[in-house]
């Protein structure tokens, strides 16, 4: 399998989408933040529980510090009703 850096560096005019999938607390956030240090991208959250404001319940929501390191989307949007 080709390295991500070879694919990205050889196709600078293309937009890439990388999906990191796995169960809760399996280091998806850490992996994506580490990758963002080398490649410019933003994180799009797809965990429904992380979309709610406040402390995550049944989720490993990224911390405020992690969210400052790389732009996150679809996180802390909804109020609990």
Protein backbone atom coordinates (compact mmCIF):
# COMPACT_ATOMS: atom_id res chain seq x y z
CA UNK A 1 0.00 0.00 0.00
CA UNK A 2 1.29 3.45 -0.87
CA UNK A 3 2.12 5.88 1.90
CA UNK A 4 -0.37 8.73 2.38
CA UNK A 5 2.44 11.27 1.88
CA UNK A 6 3.28 9.83 -1.55
CA UNK A 7 -0.33 10.01 -2.66
CA UNK A 8 -0.95 13.54 -1.35
CA UNK A 9 2.36 15.04 -2.46
CA UNK A 10 1.93 13.65 -5.96
CA UNK A 11 -1.59 15.11 -6.31
CA UNK A 12 -1.41 18.62 -4.86
CA UNK A 13 -4.40 19.92 -6.86
CA UNK A 14 -6.79 17.21 -5.67
CA UNK A 15 -9.00 17.17 -2.60
CA UNK A 16 -8.67 14.04 -0.49
CA UNK A 17 -11.06 12.62 2.06
CA UNK A 18 -9.66 10.35 4.73
CA UNK A 19 -12.05 8.35 6.90
CA UNK A 20 -10.84 7.08 10.26
CA UNK A 21 -13.29 4.55 11.66
CA UNK A 22 -13.33 2.59 14.87
CA UNK A 23 -15.05 2.04 18.21
CA UNK A 24 -15.19 4.65 20.99
CA UNK A 25 -11.82 5.40 22.62
CA UNK A 26 -9.77 3.67 19.88
CA UNK A 27 -7.47 6.69 19.28
CA UNK A 28 -9.27 8.07 16.20
CA UNK A 29 -8.93 11.65 17.44
CA UNK A 30 -5.26 11.23 18.37
CA UNK A 31 -4.53 9.67 14.97
CA UNK A 32 -6.32 12.44 13.07
CA UNK A 33 -4.57 15.19 15.05
CA UNK A 34 -1.19 13.55 14.48
CA UNK A 35 -1.92 13.35 10.75
CA UNK A 36 -3.03 16.99 10.70
CA UNK A 37 0.46 18.01 11.82
CA UNK A 38 1.79 16.70 8.52
CA UNK A 39 -1.15 17.21 6.15
CA UNK A 40 -3.52 20.19 6.07
CA UNK A 41 -7.06 19.04 6.83
CA UNK A 42 -10.01 19.55 9.14
CA UNK A 43 -11.93 17.03 11.23
CA UNK A 44 -15.62 16.39 10.58
CA UNK A 45 -17.27 14.73 13.55
CA UNK A 46 -19.86 12.04 12.86
CA UNK A 47 -20.49 10.91 16.45
CA UNK A 48 -24.04 11.98 17.29
CA UNK A 49 -23.26 12.27 21.01
CA UNK A 50 -20.34 14.65 20.35
CA UNK A 51 -22.69 16.99 18.50
CA UNK A 52 -24.23 17.95 21.85
CA UNK A 53 -22.73 20.75 23.95
CA UNK A 54 -21.22 19.95 27.31
CA UNK A 55 -19.39 16.94 28.59
CA UNK A 56 -19.80 13.93 26.34
CA UNK A 57 -21.82 11.02 27.64
CA UNK A 58 -20.90 7.60 26.20
CA UNK A 59 -18.33 9.24 23.95
CA UNK A 60 -14.65 10.12 23.82
CA UNK A 61 -15.26 13.66 22.59
CA UNK A 62 -12.13 15.59 21.66
CA UNK A 63 -10.97 18.04 24.31
CA UNK A 64 -11.04 21.82 23.89
CA UNK A 65 -7.25 21.73 23.53
CA UNK A 66 -7.48 19.13 20.74
CA UNK A 67 -10.18 21.18 19.01
CA UNK A 68 -7.84 24.19 19.05
CA UNK A 69 -5.05 22.19 17.40
CA UNK A 70 -7.08 21.40 14.29
CA UNK A 71 -10.44 22.74 13.13
CA UNK A 72 -13.37 20.48 14.05
CA UNK A 73 -16.83 20.52 12.46
CA UNK A 74 -20.17 19.23 13.79
CA UNK A 75 -19.13 19.19 17.43
CA UNK A 76 -20.82 20.97 20.35
CA UNK A 77 -23.69 22.22 18.18
CA UNK A 78 -26.83 21.09 19.96
CA UNK A 79 -28.25 21.83 23.42
CA UNK A 80 -29.64 19.03 25.55
CA UNK A 81 -33.40 19.46 25.85
